[in-house]
N, C-alpha and C. Protein backbone atom coordinates (compact mmCIF):
# COMPACT_ATOMS: atom_id res chain seq x y z
N GLN A 1 -58.16 -26.24 43.91
CA GLN A 1 -57.29 -27.17 43.25
C GLN A 1 -57.63 -27.24 41.78
N GLY A 2 -58.81 -27.73 41.42
CA GLY A 2 -59.19 -27.79 40.02
C GLY A 2 -59.78 -26.48 39.53
N LEU A 3 -60.31 -25.67 40.44
CA LEU A 3 -60.98 -24.42 40.05
C LEU A 3 -60.06 -23.45 39.32
N PRO A 4 -58.83 -23.22 39.79
CA PRO A 4 -57.95 -22.32 39.03
C PRO A 4 -57.70 -22.80 37.60
N LEU A 5 -57.62 -24.11 37.40
CA LEU A 5 -57.43 -24.64 36.05
C LEU A 5 -58.63 -24.36 35.17
N VAL A 6 -59.82 -24.52 35.73
CA VAL A 6 -61.04 -24.24 34.96
C VAL A 6 -61.12 -22.76 34.63
N LYS A 7 -60.84 -21.90 35.60
CA LYS A 7 -60.87 -20.45 35.35
C LYS A 7 -59.87 -20.06 34.28
N GLN A 8 -58.68 -20.63 34.32
CA GLN A 8 -57.67 -20.32 33.31
C GLN A 8 -58.11 -20.82 31.94
N ALA A 9 -58.73 -21.99 31.88
CA ALA A 9 -59.22 -22.52 30.60
C ALA A 9 -60.28 -21.61 30.01
N VAL A 10 -61.19 -21.11 30.84
CA VAL A 10 -62.23 -20.19 30.37
C VAL A 10 -61.59 -18.90 29.87
N THR A 11 -60.64 -18.37 30.62
CA THR A 11 -59.93 -17.15 30.20
C THR A 11 -59.25 -17.36 28.86
N ASN A 12 -58.56 -18.48 28.69
CA ASN A 12 -57.88 -18.79 27.43
C ASN A 12 -58.88 -18.90 26.28
N LEU A 13 -60.01 -19.54 26.54
CA LEU A 13 -61.03 -19.69 25.51
C LEU A 13 -61.56 -18.32 25.08
N LEU A 14 -61.91 -17.49 26.04
CA LEU A 14 -62.45 -16.17 25.72
C LEU A 14 -61.43 -15.31 24.98
N GLN A 15 -60.17 -15.42 25.35
CA GLN A 15 -59.13 -14.65 24.67
C GLN A 15 -58.89 -15.14 23.24
N SER A 16 -59.25 -16.37 22.96
CA SER A 16 -59.03 -16.92 21.62
C SER A 16 -60.12 -16.52 20.63
N ILE A 17 -61.21 -15.96 21.12
CA ILE A 17 -62.32 -15.56 20.24
C ILE A 17 -62.01 -14.20 19.64
N GLU A 18 -62.02 -14.15 18.33
CA GLU A 18 -61.68 -12.91 17.63
C GLU A 18 -62.95 -12.14 17.31
N GLU A 19 -63.33 -11.27 18.21
CA GLU A 19 -64.50 -10.41 18.06
C GLU A 19 -64.10 -8.98 18.37
N PRO A 20 -64.79 -7.99 17.78
CA PRO A 20 -64.47 -6.59 18.09
C PRO A 20 -64.59 -6.27 19.59
N VAL A 21 -65.61 -6.83 20.21
CA VAL A 21 -65.79 -6.66 21.65
C VAL A 21 -65.44 -7.99 22.32
N ALA A 22 -64.48 -7.96 23.21
CA ALA A 22 -64.05 -9.20 23.86
C ALA A 22 -65.18 -9.79 24.70
N PRO A 23 -65.47 -11.08 24.54
CA PRO A 23 -66.53 -11.70 25.35
C PRO A 23 -66.10 -11.79 26.81
N GLN A 24 -67.09 -11.76 27.69
CA GLN A 24 -66.83 -11.84 29.12
C GLN A 24 -67.74 -12.88 29.74
N VAL A 25 -67.33 -13.43 30.84
CA VAL A 25 -68.17 -14.33 31.62
C VAL A 25 -69.23 -13.47 32.30
N LEU A 26 -70.50 -13.79 32.08
CA LEU A 26 -71.58 -13.02 32.68
C LEU A 26 -71.98 -13.55 34.04
N TRP A 27 -71.79 -14.84 34.25
CA TRP A 27 -72.21 -15.45 35.51
C TRP A 27 -71.43 -16.75 35.66
N SER A 28 -71.06 -17.07 36.87
CA SER A 28 -70.40 -18.35 37.10
C SER A 28 -70.79 -18.88 38.47
N MET A 29 -70.60 -20.16 38.63
CA MET A 29 -70.89 -20.82 39.89
C MET A 29 -69.86 -21.91 40.08
N ASN A 30 -69.47 -22.17 41.30
CA ASN A 30 -68.59 -23.29 41.57
C ASN A 30 -69.00 -23.90 42.90
N TYR A 31 -68.49 -25.05 43.16
CA TYR A 31 -68.85 -25.75 44.39
C TYR A 31 -67.66 -26.58 44.86
N GLN A 32 -67.71 -26.93 46.11
CA GLN A 32 -66.77 -27.88 46.66
C GLN A 32 -67.55 -29.12 47.03
N GLN A 33 -67.03 -30.25 46.65
CA GLN A 33 -67.73 -31.50 46.92
C GLN A 33 -67.17 -32.13 48.19
N ARG A 34 -68.05 -32.38 49.12
CA ARG A 34 -67.68 -33.07 50.36
C ARG A 34 -68.61 -34.27 50.50
N TYR A 35 -68.11 -35.30 51.07
CA TYR A 35 -68.92 -36.49 51.28
C TYR A 35 -69.37 -36.53 52.73
N ILE A 36 -70.68 -36.44 52.90
CA ILE A 36 -71.26 -36.48 54.24
C ILE A 36 -72.38 -37.51 54.25
N SER A 37 -72.73 -37.96 55.42
CA SER A 37 -73.83 -38.92 55.50
C SER A 37 -75.14 -38.19 55.24
N SER A 38 -76.14 -38.91 54.80
CA SER A 38 -77.43 -38.29 54.49
C SER A 38 -78.07 -37.70 55.74
N GLU A 39 -77.70 -38.19 56.92
CA GLU A 39 -78.23 -37.64 58.16
C GLU A 39 -77.71 -36.23 58.41
N ASP A 40 -76.49 -35.93 57.92
CA ASP A 40 -75.88 -34.62 58.13
C ASP A 40 -76.18 -33.64 57.00
N ALA A 41 -76.84 -34.09 55.95
CA ALA A 41 -77.11 -33.24 54.79
C ALA A 41 -78.10 -32.14 55.15
N PRO A 42 -77.90 -30.93 54.58
CA PRO A 42 -78.83 -29.84 54.88
C PRO A 42 -80.20 -30.11 54.26
N ASN A 43 -81.21 -29.55 54.89
CA ASN A 43 -82.56 -29.66 54.36
C ASN A 43 -82.80 -28.56 53.35
N THR A 44 -83.65 -28.83 52.37
CA THR A 44 -84.01 -27.82 51.39
C THR A 44 -84.90 -26.79 52.06
N SER A 45 -84.61 -25.52 51.79
CA SER A 45 -85.42 -24.42 52.32
C SER A 45 -85.52 -23.36 51.23
N ALA A 46 -86.02 -22.19 51.57
CA ALA A 46 -86.15 -21.12 50.58
C ALA A 46 -84.79 -20.67 50.05
N SER A 47 -83.75 -20.76 50.87
CA SER A 47 -82.43 -20.29 50.44
C SER A 47 -81.40 -21.40 50.25
N VAL A 48 -81.78 -22.65 50.50
CA VAL A 48 -80.86 -23.78 50.36
C VAL A 48 -81.52 -24.85 49.51
N ILE A 49 -80.80 -25.32 48.51
CA ILE A 49 -81.28 -26.43 47.70
C ILE A 49 -80.30 -27.58 47.93
N ALA A 50 -80.75 -28.61 48.59
CA ALA A 50 -79.90 -29.76 48.89
C ALA A 50 -80.08 -30.82 47.82
N LEU A 51 -78.99 -31.25 47.24
CA LEU A 51 -79.02 -32.32 46.25
C LEU A 51 -78.69 -33.63 46.95
N GLN A 52 -79.08 -34.73 46.32
CA GLN A 52 -78.78 -36.03 46.91
C GLN A 52 -77.27 -36.24 46.95
N SER A 53 -76.84 -37.09 47.82
CA SER A 53 -75.41 -37.39 47.94
C SER A 53 -74.90 -38.02 46.66
N LEU A 54 -73.68 -37.67 46.30
CA LEU A 54 -73.05 -38.23 45.10
C LEU A 54 -72.09 -39.33 45.50
N SER A 55 -71.90 -40.25 44.59
CA SER A 55 -70.87 -41.26 44.82
C SER A 55 -69.52 -40.63 44.52
N SER A 56 -68.47 -41.28 44.90
CA SER A 56 -67.14 -40.73 44.64
C SER A 56 -66.62 -41.13 43.26
N ASP A 57 -67.47 -41.78 42.45
CA ASP A 57 -67.08 -42.14 41.09
C ASP A 57 -66.86 -40.89 40.26
N LEU A 58 -66.08 -41.01 39.20
CA LEU A 58 -65.86 -39.88 38.32
C LEU A 58 -67.07 -39.59 37.45
N ALA A 59 -67.91 -40.57 37.23
CA ALA A 59 -69.13 -40.38 36.46
C ALA A 59 -70.30 -40.27 37.42
N PHE A 60 -71.36 -39.63 36.96
CA PHE A 60 -72.55 -39.54 37.80
C PHE A 60 -73.76 -40.02 37.01
N GLY A 61 -74.78 -40.44 37.73
CA GLY A 61 -75.95 -41.02 37.10
C GLY A 61 -76.99 -39.98 36.70
N ASP A 62 -78.01 -40.46 36.00
CA ASP A 62 -79.09 -39.59 35.55
C ASP A 62 -79.84 -38.95 36.71
N ASP A 63 -79.89 -39.63 37.85
CA ASP A 63 -80.58 -39.06 39.02
C ASP A 63 -79.96 -37.72 39.42
N THR A 64 -78.66 -37.61 39.27
CA THR A 64 -77.98 -36.35 39.60
C THR A 64 -78.47 -35.24 38.68
N LEU A 65 -78.59 -35.54 37.38
CA LEU A 65 -79.09 -34.52 36.45
C LEU A 65 -80.52 -34.14 36.75
N HIS A 66 -81.32 -35.09 37.20
CA HIS A 66 -82.71 -34.76 37.58
C HIS A 66 -82.72 -33.80 38.76
N ASP A 67 -81.86 -34.03 39.74
CA ASP A 67 -81.76 -33.12 40.89
C ASP A 67 -81.28 -31.74 40.47
N VAL A 68 -80.28 -31.70 39.60
CA VAL A 68 -79.75 -30.42 39.13
C VAL A 68 -80.82 -29.68 38.33
N LYS A 69 -81.57 -30.41 37.52
CA LYS A 69 -82.64 -29.78 36.74
C LYS A 69 -83.70 -29.18 37.66
N ALA A 70 -84.07 -29.91 38.70
CA ALA A 70 -85.06 -29.40 39.66
C ALA A 70 -84.53 -28.14 40.35
N ALA A 71 -83.25 -28.14 40.71
CA ALA A 71 -82.66 -26.95 41.34
C ALA A 71 -82.63 -25.79 40.35
N TRP A 72 -82.27 -26.07 39.10
CA TRP A 72 -82.23 -25.04 38.06
C TRP A 72 -83.61 -24.42 37.87
N GLN A 73 -84.64 -25.27 37.84
CA GLN A 73 -86.00 -24.76 37.67
C GLN A 73 -86.41 -23.89 38.86
N LYS A 74 -86.02 -24.30 40.05
CA LYS A 74 -86.37 -23.53 41.25
C LYS A 74 -85.69 -22.17 41.24
N ILE A 75 -84.44 -22.13 40.81
CA ILE A 75 -83.67 -20.88 40.79
C ILE A 75 -84.14 -19.96 39.68
N THR A 76 -84.37 -20.51 38.49
CA THR A 76 -84.62 -19.67 37.31
C THR A 76 -86.07 -19.59 36.90
N ASP A 77 -86.93 -20.43 37.44
CA ASP A 77 -88.31 -20.56 36.94
C ASP A 77 -88.29 -20.87 35.44
N GLY A 78 -87.25 -21.58 35.01
CA GLY A 78 -87.05 -21.87 33.60
C GLY A 78 -87.98 -22.94 33.07
N ASP A 79 -88.17 -22.90 31.76
CA ASP A 79 -88.95 -23.90 31.05
C ASP A 79 -88.15 -25.21 31.06
N PRO A 80 -88.75 -26.30 31.53
CA PRO A 80 -87.99 -27.56 31.61
C PRO A 80 -87.41 -28.01 30.27
N ASP A 81 -88.05 -27.62 29.16
CA ASP A 81 -87.56 -28.03 27.85
C ASP A 81 -86.29 -27.28 27.43
N THR A 82 -85.93 -26.22 28.15
CA THR A 82 -84.72 -25.47 27.79
C THR A 82 -83.52 -25.83 28.66
N PHE A 83 -83.69 -26.77 29.58
CA PHE A 83 -82.59 -27.17 30.46
C PHE A 83 -81.45 -27.77 29.65
N LEU A 84 -80.25 -27.27 29.85
CA LEU A 84 -79.02 -27.71 29.19
C LEU A 84 -79.07 -27.55 27.67
N LYS A 85 -79.86 -26.59 27.19
CA LYS A 85 -79.87 -26.25 25.77
C LYS A 85 -79.32 -24.84 25.65
N PHE A 86 -78.28 -24.70 24.87
CA PHE A 86 -77.56 -23.44 24.78
C PHE A 86 -77.67 -22.87 23.38
N GLU A 87 -77.76 -21.56 23.30
CA GLU A 87 -77.81 -20.88 22.02
C GLU A 87 -76.45 -20.28 21.72
N ALA A 88 -76.11 -20.27 20.45
CA ALA A 88 -74.82 -19.69 20.05
C ALA A 88 -74.99 -18.21 19.78
């Protein structure tokens, strides 16, 4: 539903950049959000990273970012100080 709109927006953005070599998406990730009880939530394992349940609000709290940061560190072995810092 929203994913095609996001993909089209990224395509439009990349097409608007005037460079000799057209930029490309190197990696992407998407998810579907479902609301389940904490009893039904998957456990974290070597191949699954379970985040805490989210509220149905449009905004999310800092706890969500802490969970995402922990998942990012587990996946990338990244330096915590570089989380959500992007280079141009």
